[in-house]
Amino acid sequence: MKNKNSFNLQDRIINFSLLIMKIVEGLPKSYTGQHFAKQLVRSGTSPAFQYGEAQAAESRKDFIHKLKIGQKELRETFVCLTIIKKHPLSSSELLEIALTECDELIAIFHKSIGTAKKNLDKNGY
C-alpha cells in the first residue's frame, strides 16, 4: 500500500511528533503541566506509529483501522493543544504551528480513510 507520496506523509507525521516533543519540553513542571505533557506526548506521537503500522497492514480493512486510530489520536492532540493554549500553560508560537499542522493531518487522514474505503467497496479487498 505504499506509494511515492507515503514517504512525504511519513516524514510530515514524524516531524509533527518532534514538534509535539518540543512543546512538551516547554510545559511547566506543575501538576497540570505534567499531566498535559504526558497526555500530549502519547497522543501526539501515536499517529506516526499508527501510520507506520498501516503501511504494513495485512489487509485494506486493517489499513483503514490503523488510519482511524491515528486520526482519533490527532483529534485528541488537537483538543489537548487547544486546552494548553487557552489555559495558557504555554504561550509558545509552536502551539499555533502545531495546531495548524494537526488540523491539516486530520484532514489528510480523513481523506485517506475515505479513499481506502471507496477502493474497498469498489474492489472488495
PDB file of N, CA and C in Angstrom:
ATOM      1  N   MET A   1       0.805  -1.195   0.000  1.00  0.00           N
ATOM      2  CA  MET A   1       0.000   0.000   0.000  1.00  0.00           C
ATOM      3  C   MET A   1       0.853   1.266   0.000  1.00  0.00           C
ATOM      4  N   LYS A   2       2.127   1.112  -0.231  1.00  0.00           N
ATOM      5  CA  LYS A   2       3.000   2.277  -0.277  1.00  0.00           C
ATOM      6  C   LYS A   2       2.958   2.896  -1.663  1.00  0.00           C
ATOM      7  N   ASN A   3       3.110   4.200  -1.688  1.00  0.00           N
ATOM      8  CA  ASN A   3       3.295   4.895  -2.948  1.00  0.00           C
ATOM      9  C   ASN A   3       4.303   6.008  -2.726  1.00  0.00           C
ATOM     10  N   LYS A   4       4.596   6.740  -3.784  1.00  0.00           N
ATOM     11  CA  LYS A   4       5.632   7.770  -3.708  1.00  0.00           C
ATOM     12  C   LYS A   4       5.330   8.812  -2.626  1.00  0.00           C
ATOM     13  N   ASN A   5       4.071   9.222  -2.493  1.00  0.00           N
ATOM     14  CA  ASN A   5       3.693  10.253  -1.533  1.00  0.00           C
ATOM     15  C   ASN A   5       3.690   9.767  -0.092  1.00  0.00           C
ATOM     16  N   SER A   6       3.656   8.460   0.136  1.00  0.00           N
ATOM     17  CA  SER A   6       3.606   7.949   1.506  1.00  0.00           C
ATOM     18  C   SER A   6       4.850   8.337   2.293  1.00  0.00           C
ATOM     19  N   PHE A   7       5.984   8.455   1.615  1.00  0.00           N
ATOM     20  CA  PHE A   7       7.208   8.834   2.313  1.00  0.00           C
ATOM     21  C   PHE A   7       7.135  10.283   2.779  1.00  0.00           C
ATOM     22  N   ASN A   8       6.536  11.155   1.973  1.00  0.00           N
ATOM     23  CA  ASN A   8       6.367  12.541   2.374  1.00  0.00           C
ATOM     24  C   ASN A   8       5.446  12.649   3.583  1.00  0.00           C
ATOM     25  N   LEU A   9       4.359  11.904   3.584  1.00  0.00           N
ATOM     26  CA  LEU A   9       3.439  11.932   4.714  1.00  0.00           C
ATOM     27  C   LEU A   9       4.107  11.355   5.951  1.00  0.00           C
ATOM     28  N   GLN A  10       4.859  10.298   5.788  1.00  0.00           N
ATOM     29  CA  GLN A  10       5.556   9.716   6.932  1.00  0.00           C
ATOM     30  C   GLN A  10       6.517  10.740   7.539  1.00  0.00           C
ATOM     31  N   ASP A  11       7.279  11.414   6.710  1.00  0.00           N
ATOM     32  CA  ASP A  11       8.193  12.445   7.216  1.00  0.00           C
ATOM     33  C   ASP A  11       7.426  13.557   7.920  1.00  0.00           C
ATOM     34  N   ARG A  12       6.306  13.936   7.349  1.00  0.00           N
ATOM     35  CA  ARG A  12       5.499  15.011   7.935  1.00  0.00           C
ATOM     36  C   ARG A  12       4.965  14.611   9.311  1.00  0.00           C
ATOM     37  N   ILE A  13       4.503  13.387   9.441  1.00  0.00           N
ATOM     38  CA  ILE A  13       3.980  12.919  10.726  1.00  0.00           C
ATOM     39  C   ILE A  13       5.107  12.800  11.747  1.00  0.00           C
ATOM     40  N   ILE A  14       6.258  12.335  11.326  1.00  0.00           N
ATOM     41  CA  ILE A  14       7.406  12.252  12.238  1.00  0.00           C
ATOM     42  C   ILE A  14       7.815  13.652  12.685  1.00  0.00           C
ATOM     43  N   ASN A  15       7.855  14.599  11.756  1.00  0.00           N
ATOM     44  CA  ASN A  15       8.191  15.976  12.124  1.00  0.00           C
ATOM     45  C   ASN A  15       7.159  16.567  13.077  1.00  0.00           C
ATOM     46  N   PHE A  16       5.894  16.195  12.902  1.00  0.00           N
ATOM     47  CA  PHE A  16       4.854  16.634  13.831  1.00  0.00           C
ATOM     48  C   PHE A  16       5.127  16.073  15.225  1.00  0.00           C
ATOM     49  N   SER A  17       5.517  14.819  15.302  1.00  0.00           N
ATOM     50  CA  SER A  17       5.861  14.209  16.595  1.00  0.00           C
ATOM     51  C   SER A  17       7.007  14.960  17.262  1.00  0.00           C
ATOM     52  N   LEU A  18       8.006  15.339  16.482  1.00  0.00           N
ATOM     53  CA  LEU A  18       9.142  16.090  17.027  1.00  0.00           C
ATOM     54  C   LEU A  18       8.704  17.461  17.529  1.00  0.00           C
ATOM     55  N   LEU A  19       7.787  18.096  16.817  1.00  0.00           N
ATOM     56  CA  LEU A  19       7.240  19.381  17.244  1.00  0.00           C
ATOM     57  C   LEU A  19       6.499  19.232  18.569  1.00  0.00           C
ATOM     58  N   ILE A  20       5.715  18.182  18.691  1.00  0.00           N
ATOM     59  CA  ILE A  20       4.989  17.910  19.937  1.00  0.00           C
ATOM     60  C   ILE A  20       5.977  17.730  21.085  1.00  0.00           C
ATOM     61  N   MET A  21       7.050  17.014  20.836  1.00  0.00           N
ATOM     62  CA  MET A  21       8.050  16.785  21.885  1.00  0.00           C
ATOM     63  C   MET A  21       8.684  18.106  22.333  1.00  0.00           C
ATOM     64  N   LYS A  22       8.920  19.027  21.402  1.00  0.00           N
ATOM     65  CA  LYS A  22       9.461  20.344  21.766  1.00  0.00           C
ATOM     66  C   LYS A  22       8.475  21.108  22.642  1.00  0.00           C
ATOM     67  N   ILE A  23       7.208  21.059  22.285  1.00  0.00           N
ATOM     68  CA  ILE A  23       6.178  21.747  23.073  1.00  0.00           C
ATOM     69  C   ILE A  23       6.114  21.165  24.473  1.00  0.00           C
ATOM     70  N   VAL A  24       6.128  19.843  24.567  1.00  0.00           N
ATOM     71  CA  VAL A  24       6.063  19.161  25.865  1.00  0.00           C
ATOM     72  C   VAL A  24       7.226  19.577  26.756  1.00  0.00           C
ATOM     73  N   GLU A  25       8.415  19.673  26.185  1.00  0.00           N
ATOM     74  CA  GLU A  25       9.595  20.063  26.966  1.00  0.00           C
ATOM     75  C   GLU A  25       9.453  21.467  27.549  1.00  0.00           C
ATOM     76  N   GLY A  26       8.654  22.312  26.917  1.00  0.00           N
ATOM     77  CA  GLY A  26       8.475  23.680  27.383  1.00  0.00           C
ATOM     78  C   GLY A  26       7.327  23.881  28.353  1.00  0.00           C
ATOM     79  N   LEU A  27       6.561  22.826  28.622  1.00  0.00           N
ATOM     80  CA  LEU A  27       5.438  22.966  29.553  1.00  0.00           C
ATOM     81  C   LEU A  27       5.949  23.074  30.983  1.00  0.00           C
ATOM     82  N   PRO A  28       5.189  23.760  31.849  1.00  0.00           N
ATOM     83  CA  PRO A  28       5.635  23.919  33.237  1.00  0.00           C
ATOM     84  C   PRO A  28       5.713  22.581  33.965  1.00  0.00           C
ATOM     85  N   LYS A  29       6.503  22.547  35.000  1.00  0.00           N
ATOM     86  CA  LYS A  29       6.699  21.318  35.780  1.00  0.00           C
ATOM     87  C   LYS A  29       5.627  21.157  36.857  1.00  0.00           C
ATOM     88  N   SER A  30       4.577  21.966  36.799  1.00  0.00           N
ATOM     89  CA  SER A  30       3.469  21.866  37.748  1.00  0.00           C
ATOM     90  C   SER A  30       2.692  20.569  37.515  1.00  0.00           C
ATOM     91  N   TYR A  31       1.791  20.246  38.435  1.00  0.00           N
ATOM     92  CA  TYR A  31       0.966  19.047  38.297  1.00  0.00           C
ATOM     93  C   TYR A  31       0.186  19.091  36.977  1.00  0.00           C
ATOM     94  N   THR A  32      -0.468  20.220  36.714  1.00  0.00           N
ATOM     95  CA  THR A  32      -1.260  20.358  35.493  1.00  0.00           C
ATOM     96  C   THR A  32      -0.380  20.290  34.250  1.00  0.00           C
ATOM     97  N   GLY A  33       0.741  20.992  34.293  1.00  0.00           N
ATOM     98  CA  GLY A  33       1.659  20.983  33.158  1.00  0.00           C
ATOM     99  C   GLY A  33       2.142  19.584  32.831  1.00  0.00           C
ATOM    100  N   GLN A  34       2.481  18.824  33.856  1.00  0.00           N
ATOM    101  CA  GLN A  34       2.979  17.465  33.638  1.00  0.00           C
ATOM    102  C   GLN A  34       1.871  16.518  33.189  1.00  0.00           C
ATOM    103  N   HIS A  35       0.658  16.745  33.703  1.00  0.00           N
ATOM    104  CA  HIS A  35      -0.480  15.932  33.257  1.00  0.00           C
ATOM    105  C   HIS A  35      -0.675  16.097  31.745  1.00  0.00           C
ATOM    106  N   PHE A  36      -0.699  17.353  31.304  1.00  0.00           N
ATOM    107  CA  PHE A  36      -0.884  17.608  29.882  1.00  0.00           C
ATOM    108  C   PHE A  36       0.327  17.178  29.069  1.00  0.00           C
ATOM    109  N   ALA A  37       1.504  17.294  29.636  1.00  0.00           N
ATOM    110  CA  ALA A  37       2.720  16.856  28.932  1.00  0.00           C
ATOM    111  C   ALA A  37       2.647  15.364  28.636  1.00  0.00           C
ATOM    112  N   LYS A  38       2.270  14.583  29.639  1.00  0.00           N
ATOM    113  CA  LYS A  38       2.197  13.129  29.452  1.00  0.00           C
ATOM    114  C   LYS A  38       1.124  12.758  28.429  1.00  0.00           C
ATOM    115  N   GLN A  39      -0.022  13.414  28.534  1.00  0.00           N
ATOM    116  CA  GLN A  39      -1.117  13.134  27.605  1.00  0.00           C
ATOM    117  C   GLN A  39      -0.733  13.515  26.177  1.00  0.00           C
ATOM    118  N   LEU A  40      -0.134  14.698  26.044  1.00  0.00           N
ATOM    119  CA  LEU A  40       0.214  15.206  24.724  1.00  0.00           C
ATOM    120  C   LEU A  40       1.302  14.374  24.056  1.00  0.00           C
ATOM    121  N   VAL A  41       2.276  13.936  24.820  1.00  0.00           N
ATOM    122  CA  VAL A  41       3.348  13.142  24.209  1.00  0.00           C
ATOM    123  C   VAL A  41       2.811  11.787  23.730  1.00  0.00           C
ATOM    124  N   ARG A  42       1.821  11.244  24.439  1.00  0.00           N
ATOM    125  CA  ARG A  42       1.234   9.965  23.997  1.00  0.00           C
ATOM    126  C   ARG A  42       0.394  10.153  22.731  1.00  0.00           C
ATOM    127  N   SER A  43      -0.560  11.082  22.803  1.00  0.00           N
ATOM    128  CA  SER A  43      -1.468  11.243  21.657  1.00  0.00           C
ATOM    129  C   SER A  43      -0.780  11.899  20.462  1.00  0.00           C
ATOM    130  N   GLY A  44       0.197  12.753  20.714  1.00  0.00           N
ATOM    131  CA  GLY A  44       0.847  13.483  19.637  1.00  0.00           C
ATOM    132  C   GLY A  44       1.902  12.706  18.873  1.00  0.00           C
ATOM    133  N   THR A  45       2.401  11.637  19.470  1.00  0.00           N
ATOM    134  CA  THR A  45       3.386  10.815  18.763  1.00  0.00           C
ATOM    135  C   THR A  45       2.766   9.526  18.210  1.00  0.00           C
ATOM    136  N   SER A  46       1.632   9.134  18.729  1.00  0.00           N
ATOM    137  CA  SER A  46       0.968   7.907  18.298  1.00  0.00           C
ATOM    138  C   SER A  46       0.642   7.865  16.800  1.00  0.00           C
ATOM    139  N   PRO A  47       0.195   8.963  16.183  1.00  0.00           N
ATOM    140  CA  PRO A  47      -0.129   8.882  14.748  1.00  0.00           C
ATOM    141  C   PRO A  47       1.038   8.421  13.872  1.00  0.00           C
ATOM    142  N   ALA A  48       2.246   8.777  14.233  1.00  0.00           N
ATOM    143  CA  ALA A  48       3.407   8.317  13.457  1.00  0.00           C
ATOM    144  C   ALA A  48       3.532   6.801  13.543  1.00  0.00           C
ATOM    145  N   PHE A  49       3.315   6.265  14.737  1.00  0.00           N
ATOM    146  CA  PHE A  49       3.393   4.813  14.916  1.00  0.00           C
ATOM    147  C   PHE A  49       2.246   4.116  14.183  1.00  0.00           C
ATOM    148  N   GLN A  50       1.043   4.687  14.271  1.00  0.00           N
ATOM    149  CA  GLN A  50      -0.117   4.094  13.601  1.00  0.00           C
ATOM    150  C   GLN A  50       0.061   4.115  12.083  1.00  0.00           C
ATOM    151  N   TYR A  51       0.616   5.196  11.571  1.00  0.00           N
ATOM    152  CA  TYR A  51       0.857   5.282  10.131  1.00  0.00           C
ATOM    153  C   TYR A  51       1.882   4.234   9.703  1.00  0.00           C
ATOM    154  N   GLY A  52       2.905   4.061  10.506  1.00  0.00           N
ATOM    155  CA  GLY A  52       3.900   3.026  10.215  1.00  0.00           C
ATOM    156  C   GLY A  52       3.278   1.642  10.195  1.00  0.00           C
ATOM    157  N   GLU A  53       2.397   1.378  11.159  1.00  0.00           N
ATOM    158  CA  GLU A  53       1.701   0.087  11.185  1.00  0.00           C
ATOM    159  C   GLU A  53       0.782  -0.060   9.979  1.00  0.00           C
ATOM    160  N   ALA A  54       0.121   1.028   9.587  1.00  0.00           N
ATOM    161  CA  ALA A  54      -0.786   0.976   8.438  1.00  0.00           C
ATOM    162  C   ALA A  54      -0.034   0.604   7.161  1.00  0.00           C
ATOM    163  N   GLN A  55       1.195   1.046   7.043  1.00  0.00           N
ATOM    164  CA  GLN A  55       1.991   0.736   5.854  1.00  0.00           C
ATOM    165  C   GLN A  55       2.278  -0.763   5.741  1.00  0.00           C
ATOM    166  N   ALA A  56       2.199  -1.464   6.864  1.00  0.00           N
ATOM    167  CA  ALA A  56       2.422  -2.914   6.863  1.00  0.00           C
ATOM    168  C   ALA A  56       1.120  -3.671   7.133  1.00  0.00           C
ATOM    169  N   ALA A  57      -0.001  -3.033   6.832  1.00  0.00           N
ATOM    170  CA  ALA A  57      -1.302  -3.640   7.105  1.00  0.00           C
ATOM    171  C   ALA A  57      -1.463  -4.962   6.363  1.00  0.00           C
ATOM    172  N   GLU A  58      -2.187  -5.865   6.998  1.00  0.00           N
ATOM    173  CA  GLU A  58      -2.413  -7.189   6.422  1.00  0.00           C
ATOM    174  C   GLU A  58      -3.550  -7.194   5.406  1.00  0.00           C
ATOM    175  N   SER A  59      -4.367  -6.163   5.444  1.00  0.00           N
ATOM    176  CA  SER A  59      -5.481  -6.055   4.508  1.00  0.00           C
ATOM    177  C   SER A  59      -5.882  -4.582   4.411  1.00  0.00           C
ATOM    178  N   ARG A  60      -6.752  -4.286   3.454  1.00  0.00           N
ATOM    179  CA  ARG A  60      -7.234  -2.907   3.331  1.00  0.00           C
ATOM    180  C   ARG A  60      -8.053  -2.521   4.564  1.00  0.00           C
ATOM    181  N   LYS A  61      -8.820  -3.466   5.111  1.00  0.00           N
ATOM    182  CA  LYS A  61      -9.585  -3.184   6.330  1.00  0.00           C
ATOM    183  C   LYS A  61      -8.655  -2.869   7.494  1.00  0.00           C
ATOM    184  N   ASP A  62      -7.572  -3.605   7.608  1.00  0.00           N
ATOM    185  CA  ASP A  62      -6.579  -3.354   8.654  1.00  0.00           C
ATOM    186  C   ASP A  62      -5.935  -1.982   8.445  1.00  0.00           C
ATOM    187  N   PHE A  63      -5.639  -1.642   7.197  1.00  0.00           N
ATOM    188  CA  PHE A  63      -5.076  -0.335   6.849  1.00  0.00           C
ATOM    189  C   PHE A  63      -6.011   0.787   7.305  1.00  0.00           C
ATOM    190  N   ILE A  64      -7.285   0.648   6.981  1.00  0.00           N
ATOM    191  CA  ILE A  64      -8.287   1.647   7.366  1.00  0.00           C
ATOM    192  C   ILE A  64      -8.365   1.760   8.880  1.00  0.00           C
ATOM    193  N   HIS A  65      -8.372   0.632   9.557  1.00  0.00           N
ATOM    194  CA  HIS A  65      -8.454   0.623  11.021  1.00  0.00           C
ATOM    195  C   HIS A  65      -7.278   1.375  11.647  1.00  0.00           C
ATOM    196  N   LYS A  66      -6.079   1.123  11.166  1.00  0.00           N
ATOM    197  CA  LYS A  66      -4.882   1.793  11.709  1.00  0.00           C
ATOM    198  C   LYS A  66      -4.946   3.300  11.464  1.00  0.00           C
ATOM    199  N   LEU A  67      -5.387   3.693  10.270  1.00  0.00           N
ATOM    200  CA  LEU A  67      -5.512   5.124   9.984  1.00  0.00           C
ATOM    201  C   LEU A  67      -6.572   5.777  10.861  1.00  0.00           C
ATOM    202  N   LYS A  68      -7.662   5.061  11.128  1.00  0.00           N
ATOM    203  CA  LYS A  68      -8.703   5.608  12.003  1.00  0.00           C
ATOM    204  C   LYS A  68      -8.168   5.845  13.411  1.00  0.00           C
ATOM    205  N   ILE A  69      -7.362   4.931  13.906  1.00  0.00           N
ATOM    206  CA  ILE A  69      -6.754   5.110  15.230  1.00  0.00           C
ATOM    207  C   ILE A  69      -5.849   6.342  15.210  1.00  0.00           C
ATOM    208  N   GLY A  70      -5.046   6.472  14.171  1.00  0.00           N
ATOM    209  CA  GLY A  70      -4.178   7.641  14.044  1.00  0.00           C
ATOM    210  C   GLY A  70      -4.975   8.933  13.997  1.00  0.00           C
ATOM    211  N   GLN A  71      -6.092   8.922  13.281  1.00  0.00           N
ATOM    212  CA  GLN A  71      -6.940  10.105  13.187  1.00  0.00           C
ATOM    213  C   GLN A  71      -7.541  10.460  14.551  1.00  0.00           C
ATOM    214  N   LYS A  72      -7.981   9.463  15.293  1.00  0.00           N
ATOM    215  CA  LYS A  72      -8.517   9.710  16.637  1.00  0.00           C
ATOM    216  C   LYS A  72      -7.460  10.336  17.536  1.00  0.00           C
ATOM    217  N   GLU A  73      -6.244   9.845  17.441  1.00  0.00           N
ATOM    218  CA  GLU A  73      -5.150  10.399  18.249  1.00  0.00           C
ATOM    219  C   GLU A  73      -4.855  11.844  17.848  1.00  0.00           C
ATOM    220  N   LEU A  74      -4.938  12.139  16.561  1.00  0.00           N
ATOM    221  CA  LEU A  74      -4.735  13.512  16.106  1.00  0.00           C
ATOM    222  C   LEU A  74      -5.827  14.432  16.640  1.00  0.00           C
ATOM    223  N   ARG A  75      -7.058  13.964  16.642  1.00  0.00           N
ATOM    224  CA  ARG A  75      -8.160  14.775  17.182  1.00  0.00           C
ATOM    225  C   ARG A  75      -7.956  15.027  18.679  1.00  0.00           C
ATOM    226  N   GLU A  76      -7.523  14.006  19.390  1.00  0.00           N
ATOM    227  CA  GLU A  76      -7.230  14.143  20.815  1.00  0.00           C
ATOM    228  C   GLU A  76      -6.104  15.157  21.029  1.00  0.00           C
ATOM    229  N   THR A  77      -5.095  15.084  20.202  1.00  0.00           N
ATOM    230  CA  THR A  77      -3.970  16.012  20.279  1.00  0.00           C
ATOM    231  C   THR A  77      -4.432  17.439  20.024  1.00  0.00           C
ATOM    232  N   PHE A  78      -5.312  17.621  19.053  1.00  0.00           N
ATOM    233  CA  PHE A  78      -5.823  18.955  18.741  1.00  0.00           C
ATOM    234  C   PHE A  78      -6.539  19.558  19.948  1.00  0.00           C
ATOM    235  N   VAL A  79      -7.370  18.766  20.603  1.00  0.00           N
ATOM    236  CA  VAL A  79      -8.085  19.245  21.790  1.00  0.00           C
ATOM    237  C   VAL A  79      -7.099  19.575  22.906  1.00  0.00           C
ATOM    238  N   CYS A  80      -6.131  18.714  23.112  1.00  0.00           N
ATOM    239  CA  CYS A  80      -5.123  18.924  24.151  1.00  0.00           C
ATOM    240  C   CYS A  80      -4.344  20.218  23.890  1.00  0.00           C
ATOM    241  N   LEU A  81      -3.912  20.429  22.670  1.00  0.00           N
ATOM    242  CA  LEU A  81      -3.194  21.656  22.313  1.00  0.00           C
ATOM    243  C   LEU A  81      -4.068  22.891  22.521  1.00  0.00           C
ATOM    244  N   THR A  82      -5.341  22.769  22.192  1.00  0.00           N
ATOM    245  CA  THR A  82      -6.270  23.886  22.365  1.00  0.00           C
ATOM    246  C   THR A  82      -6.431  24.235  23.841  1.00  0.00           C
ATOM    247  N   ILE A  83      -6.547  23.229  24.694  1.00  0.00           N
ATOM    248  CA  ILE A  83      -6.660  23.471  26.140  1.00  0.00           C
ATOM    249  C   ILE A  83      -5.389  24.134  26.661  1.00  0.00           C
ATOM    250  N   ILE A  84      -4.239  23.644  26.238  1.00  0.00           N
ATOM    251  CA  ILE A  84      -2.958  24.224  26.664  1.00  0.00           C
ATOM    252  C   ILE A  84      -2.891  25.693  26.252  1.00  0.00           C
ATOM    253  N   LYS A  85      -3.346  25.987  25.055  1.00  0.00           N
ATOM    254  CA  LYS A  85      -3.324  27.366  24.561  1.00  0.00           C
ATOM    255  C   LYS A  85      -4.283  28.254  25.347  1.00  0.00           C
ATOM    256  N   LYS A  86      -5.477  27.755  25.644  1.00  0.00           N
ATOM    257  CA  LYS A  86      -6.491  28.563  26.319  1.00  0.00           C
ATOM    258  C   LYS A  86      -6.215  28.748  27.801  1.00  0.00           C
ATOM    259  N   HIS A  87      -5.486  27.815  28.419  1.00  0.00           N
ATOM    260  CA  HIS A  87      -5.245  27.903  29.874  1.00  0.00           C
ATOM    261  C   HIS A  87      -4.529  29.171  30.274  1.00  0.00           C
ATOM    262  N   PRO A  88      -3.506  29.668  29.831  1.00  0.00           N
ATOM    263  CA  PRO A  88      -2.477  29.099  28.965  1.00  0.00           C
ATOM    264  C   PRO A  88      -1.362  28.446  29.775  1.00  0.00           C
ATOM    265  N   LEU A  89      -1.079  27.216  29.456  1.00  0.00           N
ATOM    266  CA  LEU A  89       0.078  26.536  30.044  1.00  0.00           C
ATOM    267  C   LEU A  89       1.337  26.912  29.286  1.00  0.00           C
ATOM    268  N   SER A  90       1.142  27.380  28.066  1.00  0.00           N
ATOM    269  CA  SER A  90       2.273  27.804  27.248  1.00  0.00           C
ATOM    270  C   SER A  90       1.788  28.877  26.284  1.00  0.00           C
ATOM    271  N   SER A  91       2.637  29.820  26.020  1.00  0.00           N
ATOM    272  CA  SER A  91       2.313  30.833  25.018  1.00  0.00           C
ATOM    273  C   SER A  91       3.249  30.691  23.820  1.00  0.00           C
ATOM    274  N   SER A  92       3.861  29.540  23.716  1.00  0.00           N
ATOM    275  CA  SER A  92       4.828  29.274  22.656  1.00  0.00           C
ATOM    276  C   SER A  92       4.192  29.424  21.280  1.00  0.00           C
ATOM    277  N   GLU A  93       4.917  30.050  20.369  1.00  0.00           N
ATOM    278  CA  GLU A  93       4.444  30.160  18.988  1.00  0.00           C
ATOM    279  C   GLU A  93       4.369  28.785  18.333  1.00  0.00           C
ATOM    280  N   LEU A  94       5.048  27.815  18.931  1.00  0.00           N
ATOM    281  CA  LEU A  94       4.989  26.445  18.413  1.00  0.00           C
ATOM    282  C   LEU A  94       3.580  25.867  18.522  1.00  0.00           C
ATOM    283  N   LEU A  95       2.806  26.354  19.504  1.00  0.00           N
ATOM    284  CA  LEU A  95       1.431  25.867  19.662  1.00  0.00           C
ATOM    285  C   LEU A  95       0.605  26.141  18.405  1.00  0.00           C
ATOM    286  N   GLU A  96       0.701  27.346  17.877  1.00  0.00           N
ATOM    287  CA  GLU A  96      -0.055  27.695  16.669  1.00  0.00           C
ATOM    288  C   GLU A  96       0.380  26.846  15.484  1.00  0.00           C
ATOM    289  N   ILE A  97       1.673  26.650  15.369  1.00  0.00           N
ATOM    290  CA  ILE A  97       2.201  25.818  14.280  1.00  0.00           C
ATOM    291  C   ILE A  97       1.664  24.394  14.419  1.00  0.00           C
ATOM    292  N   ALA A  98       1.693  23.869  15.648  1.00  0.00           N
ATOM    293  CA  ALA A  98       1.226  22.502  15.899  1.00  0.00           C
ATOM    294  C   ALA A  98      -0.275  22.371  15.659  1.00  0.00           C
ATOM    295  N   LEU A  99      -1.050  23.368  16.075  1.00  0.00           N
ATOM    296  CA  LEU A  99      -2.495  23.319  15.859  1.00  0.00           C
ATOM    297  C   LEU A  99      -2.821  23.298  14.361  1.00  0.00           C
ATOM    298  N   THR A 100      -2.147  24.122  13.604  1.00  0.00           N
ATOM    299  CA  THR A 100      -2.372  24.154  12.154  1.00  0.00           C
ATOM    300  C   THR A 100      -1.977  22.830  11.510  1.00  0.00           C
ATOM    301  N   GLU A 101      -0.802  22.331  11.875  1.00  0.00           N
ATOM    302  CA  GLU A 101      -0.326  21.066  11.297  1.00  0.00           C
ATOM    303  C   GLU A 101      -1.241  19.908  11.695  1.00  0.00           C
ATOM    304  N   CYS A 102      -1.679  19.894  12.936  1.00  0.00           N
ATOM    305  CA  CYS A 102      -2.570  18.832  13.415  1.00  0.00           C
ATOM    306  C   CYS A 102      -3.875  18.850  12.619  1.00  0.00           C
ATOM    307  N   ASP A 103      -4.431  20.028  12.422  1.00  0.00           N
ATOM    308  CA  ASP A 103      -5.666  20.165  11.659  1.00  0.00           C
ATOM    309  C   ASP A 103      -5.481  19.657  10.225  1.00  0.00           C
ATOM    310  N   GLU A 104      -4.350  19.982   9.617  1.00  0.00           N
ATOM    311  CA  GLU A 104      -4.075  19.517   8.256  1.00  0.00           C
ATOM    312  C   GLU A 104      -3.882  18.002   8.210  1.00  0.00           C
ATOM    313  N   LEU A 105      -3.210  17.451   9.204  1.00  0.00           N
ATOM    314  CA  LEU A 105      -3.014  15.998   9.247  1.00  0.00           C
ATOM    315  C   LEU A 105      -4.337  15.266   9.450  1.00  0.00           C
ATOM    316  N   ILE A 106      -5.223  15.828  10.264  1.00  0.00           N
ATOM    317  CA  ILE A 106      -6.555  15.231  10.444  1.00  0.00           C
ATOM    318  C   ILE A 106      -7.259  15.156   9.085  1.00  0.00           C
ATOM    319  N   ALA A 107      -7.192  16.232   8.319  1.00  0.00           N
ATOM    320  CA  ALA A 107      -7.832  16.262   7.002  1.00  0.00           C
ATOM    321  C   ALA A 107      -7.205  15.237   6.052  1.00  0.00           C
ATOM    322  N   ILE A 108      -5.889  15.100   6.099  1.00  0.00           N
ATOM    323  CA  ILE A 108      -5.201  14.122   5.245  1.00  0.00           C
ATOM    324  C   ILE A 108      -5.622  12.705   5.619  1.00  0.00           C
ATOM    325  N   PHE A 109      -5.640  12.407   6.916  1.00  0.00           N
ATOM    326  CA  PHE A 109      -6.055  11.076   7.366  1.00  0.00           C
ATOM    327  C   PHE A 109      -7.504  10.822   6.953  1.00  0.00           C
ATOM    328  N   HIS A 110      -8.368  11.820   7.124  1.00  0.00           N
ATOM    329  CA  HIS A 110      -9.781  11.679   6.769  1.00  0.00           C
ATOM    330  C   HIS A 110      -9.927  11.333   5.281  1.00  0.00           C
ATOM    331  N   LYS A 111      -9.213  12.052   4.450  1.00  0.00           N
ATOM    332  CA  LYS A 111      -9.274  11.810   3.003  1.00  0.00           C
ATOM    333  C   LYS A 111      -8.712  10.429   2.657  1.00  0.00           C
ATOM    334  N   SER A 112      -7.618  10.051   3.300  1.00  0.00           N
ATOM    335  CA  SER A 112      -7.010   8.736   3.043  1.00  0.00           C
ATOM    336  C   SER A 112      -7.949   7.606   3.439  1.00  0.00           C
ATOM    337  N   ILE A 113      -8.621   7.770   4.560  1.00  0.00           N
ATOM    338  CA  ILE A 113      -9.585   6.762   5.018  1.00  0.00           C
ATOM    339  C   ILE A 113     -10.730   6.655   4.013  1.00  0.00           C
ATOM    340  N   GLY A 114     -11.237   7.801   3.569  1.00  0.00           N
ATOM    341  CA  GLY A 114     -12.320   7.808   2.581  1.00  0.00           C
ATOM    342  C   GLY A 114     -11.923   7.134   1.282  1.00  0.00           C
ATOM    343  N   THR A 115     -10.732   7.423   0.807  1.00  0.00           N
ATOM    344  CA  THR A 115     -10.238   6.807  -0.431  1.00  0.00           C
ATOM    345  C   THR A 115     -10.078   5.301  -0.264  1.00  0.00           C
ATOM    346  N   ALA A 116      -9.519   4.891   0.865  1.00  0.00           N
ATOM    347  CA  ALA A 116      -9.328   3.457   1.115  1.00  0.00           C
ATOM    348  C   ALA A 116     -10.671   2.738   1.213  1.00  0.00           C
ATOM    349  N   LYS A 117     -11.663   3.376   1.846  1.00  0.00           N
ATOM    350  CA  LYS A 117     -12.999   2.773   1.945  1.00  0.00           C
ATOM    351  C   LYS A 117     -13.638   2.646   0.565  1.00  0.00           C
ATOM    352  N   LYS A 118     -13.477   3.681  -0.246  1.00  0.00           N
ATOM    353  CA  LYS A 118     -14.040   3.657  -1.600  1.00  0.00           C
ATOM    354  C   LYS A 118     -13.413   2.523  -2.406  1.00  0.00           C
ATOM    355  N   ASN A 119     -12.106   2.359  -2.299  1.00  0.00           N
ATOM    356  CA  ASN A 119     -11.417   1.276  -3.006  1.00  0.00           C
ATOM    357  C   ASN A 119     -11.825  -0.087  -2.461  1.00  0.00           C
ATOM    358  N   LEU A 120     -12.070  -0.163  -1.163  1.00  0.00           N
ATOM    359  CA  LEU A 120     -12.525  -1.414  -0.554  1.00  0.00           C
ATOM    360  C   LEU A 120     -13.892  -1.792  -1.112  1.00  0.00           C
ATOM    361  N   ASP A 121     -14.799  -0.809  -1.170  1.00  0.00           N
ATOM    362  CA  ASP A 121     -16.142  -1.067  -1.691  1.00  0.00           C
ATOM    363  C   ASP A 121     -16.099  -1.440  -3.172  1.00  0.00           C
ATOM    364  N   LYS A 122     -15.229  -0.775  -3.912  1.00  0.00           N
ATOM    365  CA  LYS A 122     -15.139  -0.998  -5.358  1.00  0.00           C
ATOM    366  C   LYS A 122     -14.479  -2.336  -5.681  1.00  0.00           C
ATOM    367  N   ASN A 123     -13.408  -2.649  -4.980  1.00  0.00           N
ATOM    368  CA  ASN A 123     -12.624  -3.846  -5.285  1.00  0.00           C
ATOM    369  C   ASN A 123     -12.941  -5.036  -4.384  1.00  0.00           C
ATOM    370  N   GLY A 124     -13.543  -4.769  -3.245  1.00  0.00           N
ATOM    371  CA  GLY A 124     -13.888  -5.851  -2.334  1.00  0.00           C
ATOM    372  C   GLY A 124     -12.728  -6.387  -1.521  1.00  0.00           C
ATOM    373  N   TYR A 125     -11.579  -5.689  -1.527  1.00  0.00           N
ATOM    374  CA  TYR A 125     -10.449  -6.132  -0.708  1.00  0.00           C
ATOM    375  C   TYR A 125      -9.593  -4.996  -0.308  1.00  0.00           C
TER     376      TYR A 125
END
